[in-house]
N, C-alpha and C. Protein backbone atom coordinates (compact mmCIF):
# COMPACT_ATOMS: atom_id res chain seq x y z
N MET A 1 100.10 104.61 109.99
CA MET A 1 100.60 103.66 110.96
C MET A 1 99.71 102.41 110.93
N LYS A 2 100.30 101.26 111.00
CA LYS A 2 99.59 99.99 111.03
C LYS A 2 99.30 99.59 112.47
N GLU A 3 98.20 98.90 112.66
CA GLU A 3 97.86 98.36 113.99
C GLU A 3 97.82 96.85 113.86
N ILE A 4 98.44 96.16 114.81
CA ILE A 4 98.54 94.70 114.76
C ILE A 4 98.04 94.13 116.07
N THR A 5 97.25 93.07 115.97
CA THR A 5 96.80 92.34 117.15
C THR A 5 97.57 91.03 117.20
N LEU A 6 98.14 90.73 118.36
CA LEU A 6 98.92 89.50 118.52
C LEU A 6 98.26 88.57 119.53
N ARG A 7 98.31 87.30 119.25
CA ARG A 7 97.91 86.29 120.23
C ARG A 7 99.20 85.64 120.71
N VAL A 8 99.50 85.84 121.98
CA VAL A 8 100.78 85.40 122.52
C VAL A 8 100.54 84.36 123.61
N PRO A 9 101.22 83.21 123.53
CA PRO A 9 101.08 82.22 124.60
C PRO A 9 101.50 82.83 125.94
N ASP A 10 100.83 82.42 126.99
CA ASP A 10 101.10 82.99 128.32
C ASP A 10 102.59 82.98 128.68
N HIS A 11 103.26 81.91 128.35
CA HIS A 11 104.67 81.79 128.75
C HIS A 11 105.60 82.70 127.94
N LYS A 12 105.10 83.34 126.90
CA LYS A 12 105.94 84.22 126.08
C LYS A 12 105.57 85.70 126.20
N VAL A 13 104.56 86.02 127.00
CA VAL A 13 104.09 87.40 127.10
C VAL A 13 105.21 88.33 127.59
N GLU A 14 105.90 87.94 128.62
CA GLU A 14 106.96 88.80 129.17
C GLU A 14 108.03 89.08 128.10
N PHE A 15 108.44 88.05 127.38
CA PHE A 15 109.44 88.22 126.32
C PHE A 15 108.95 89.19 125.24
N VAL A 16 107.71 88.99 124.80
CA VAL A 16 107.15 89.83 123.74
C VAL A 16 107.04 91.28 124.22
N MET A 17 106.62 91.49 125.45
CA MET A 17 106.49 92.85 125.98
C MET A 17 107.86 93.53 126.07
N GLN A 18 108.89 92.78 126.46
CA GLN A 18 110.24 93.34 126.51
C GLN A 18 110.71 93.72 125.10
N LEU A 19 110.42 92.88 124.13
CA LEU A 19 110.79 93.16 122.75
C LEU A 19 110.09 94.41 122.24
N ILE A 20 108.81 94.52 122.51
CA ILE A 20 108.04 95.70 122.09
C ILE A 20 108.62 96.96 122.73
N GLU A 21 108.95 96.86 124.01
CA GLU A 21 109.54 98.02 124.71
C GLU A 21 110.88 98.41 124.09
N GLN A 22 111.73 97.42 123.80
CA GLN A 22 113.04 97.69 123.20
C GLN A 22 112.92 98.32 121.82
N LEU A 23 111.88 97.95 121.09
CA LEU A 23 111.67 98.51 119.76
C LEU A 23 111.00 99.89 119.81
N GLY A 24 110.57 100.29 121.01
CA GLY A 24 109.96 101.60 121.17
C GLY A 24 108.57 101.69 120.55
N LEU A 25 107.85 100.59 120.54
CA LEU A 25 106.51 100.56 119.94
C LEU A 25 105.46 100.93 120.98
N ASP A 26 104.33 101.46 120.50
CA ASP A 26 103.22 101.82 121.37
C ASP A 26 102.43 100.56 121.72
N VAL A 27 101.99 100.49 122.97
CA VAL A 27 101.16 99.39 123.43
C VAL A 27 99.90 99.97 124.02
N SER A 28 98.77 99.44 123.60
CA SER A 28 97.50 99.92 124.12
C SER A 28 96.76 98.77 124.78
N ASP A 29 96.39 98.97 126.05
CA ASP A 29 95.60 97.97 126.77
C ASP A 29 94.12 98.20 126.52
N GLN A 30 93.80 99.36 125.99
CA GLN A 30 92.40 99.75 125.82
C GLN A 30 91.86 99.25 124.48
N PRO A 31 90.81 98.44 124.55
CA PRO A 31 90.21 98.01 123.28
C PRO A 31 89.46 99.16 122.62
N ASP A 32 89.41 99.15 121.31
CA ASP A 32 88.60 100.13 120.60
C ASP A 32 87.15 99.69 120.70
N ILE A 33 86.32 100.53 121.29
CA ILE A 33 84.89 100.24 121.41
C ILE A 33 84.18 101.07 120.37
N PRO A 34 83.47 100.40 119.45
CA PRO A 34 82.78 101.15 118.41
C PRO A 34 81.77 102.13 119.00
N GLU A 35 81.62 103.27 118.36
CA GLU A 35 80.72 104.31 118.85
C GLU A 35 79.29 103.79 118.97
N GLU A 36 78.87 102.94 118.05
CA GLU A 36 77.50 102.41 118.13
C GLU A 36 77.28 101.56 119.38
N HIS A 37 78.32 100.87 119.84
CA HIS A 37 78.21 100.10 121.08
C HIS A 37 78.12 101.03 122.29
N LYS A 38 78.91 102.09 122.25
CA LYS A 38 78.85 103.08 123.33
C LYS A 38 77.45 103.69 123.42
N GLU A 39 76.86 103.95 122.26
CA GLU A 39 75.53 104.56 122.23
C GLU A 39 74.48 103.62 122.82
N ILE A 40 74.60 102.34 122.55
CA ILE A 40 73.68 101.35 123.14
C ILE A 40 73.77 101.41 124.66
N VAL A 41 74.98 101.46 125.19
CA VAL A 41 75.17 101.51 126.64
C VAL A 41 74.59 102.81 127.20
N ARG A 42 74.84 103.92 126.52
CA ARG A 42 74.29 105.21 126.99
C ARG A 42 72.77 105.17 127.06
N LYS A 43 72.14 104.59 126.05
CA LYS A 43 70.67 104.48 126.04
C LYS A 43 70.17 103.61 127.18
N ARG A 44 70.87 102.52 127.44
CA ARG A 44 70.47 101.63 128.54
C ARG A 44 70.63 102.33 129.89
N ILE A 45 71.67 103.10 130.05
CA ILE A 45 71.87 103.86 131.30
C ILE A 45 70.74 104.85 131.49
N GLN A 46 70.40 105.58 130.44
CA GLN A 46 69.31 106.56 130.53
C GLN A 46 67.99 105.87 130.86
N LYS A 47 67.74 104.73 130.24
CA LYS A 47 66.52 103.97 130.50
C LYS A 47 66.44 103.55 131.97
N SER A 48 67.57 103.14 132.52
CA SER A 48 67.63 102.71 133.92
C SER A 48 67.47 103.88 134.87
N ILE A 49 68.00 105.03 134.50
CA ILE A 49 67.86 106.22 135.34
C ILE A 49 66.39 106.63 135.39
N LYS A 50 65.71 106.56 134.26
CA LYS A 50 64.30 106.95 134.19
C LYS A 50 63.39 105.95 134.90
N ASN A 51 63.78 104.68 134.91
CA ASN A 51 62.95 103.66 135.52
C ASN A 51 63.82 102.67 136.30
N PRO A 52 64.29 103.06 137.48
CA PRO A 52 65.19 102.19 138.25
C PRO A 52 64.53 100.90 138.73
N ASP A 53 63.20 100.85 138.76
CA ASP A 53 62.50 99.64 139.21
C ASP A 53 62.65 98.49 138.23
N ARG A 54 63.10 98.78 137.01
CA ARG A 54 63.27 97.72 136.02
C ARG A 54 64.54 96.90 136.29
N LEU A 55 65.39 97.40 137.17
CA LEU A 55 66.65 96.72 137.46
C LEU A 55 66.47 95.67 138.55
N LEU A 56 67.27 94.64 138.50
CA LEU A 56 67.25 93.61 139.53
C LEU A 56 68.41 93.85 140.49
N ASN A 57 68.20 93.49 141.73
CA ASN A 57 69.22 93.62 142.75
C ASN A 57 70.19 92.45 142.63
N TRP A 58 71.47 92.74 142.42
CA TRP A 58 72.47 91.71 142.22
C TRP A 58 72.52 90.73 143.39
N GLU A 59 72.44 91.21 144.62
CA GLU A 59 72.50 90.34 145.78
C GLU A 59 71.34 89.34 145.79
N GLU A 60 70.22 89.71 145.21
CA GLU A 60 69.06 88.82 145.18
C GLU A 60 69.10 87.81 144.03
N VAL A 61 69.80 88.12 142.95
CA VAL A 61 69.77 87.23 141.79
C VAL A 61 71.06 86.45 141.54
N LYS A 62 72.15 86.85 142.15
CA LYS A 62 73.44 86.21 141.81
C LYS A 62 73.47 84.73 142.05
N ASP A 63 72.77 84.25 143.07
CA ASP A 63 72.80 82.82 143.36
C ASP A 63 71.97 82.00 142.38
N SER A 64 71.16 82.64 141.57
CA SER A 64 70.35 81.93 140.60
C SER A 64 71.15 81.55 139.34
N PHE A 65 72.37 82.08 139.22
CA PHE A 65 73.21 81.76 138.07
C PHE A 65 73.96 80.45 138.32
N LYS A 66 74.05 79.66 137.29
CA LYS A 66 74.81 78.42 137.39
C LYS A 66 76.12 78.61 136.64
N LEU A 67 77.20 78.62 137.36
CA LEU A 67 78.52 78.79 136.73
C LEU A 67 79.14 77.41 136.50
N GLU A 68 79.59 77.20 135.30
CA GLU A 68 80.20 75.90 134.98
C GLU A 68 81.69 76.01 134.85
């Protein structure tokens, strides 16, 4: 089976989704996350569990970000 990624303009998404449904094709909202990326996250979680003091409190740091 082939897998295809489409870039669809916002105004055509509904049409494309109806077409896909009519053709009986599978649609996946879930991105494929490589196992090596998952492992990085698992290691970071374990590191944080072992040393929670290394984490910053979101309420204390969120205002320091400059959003453009």
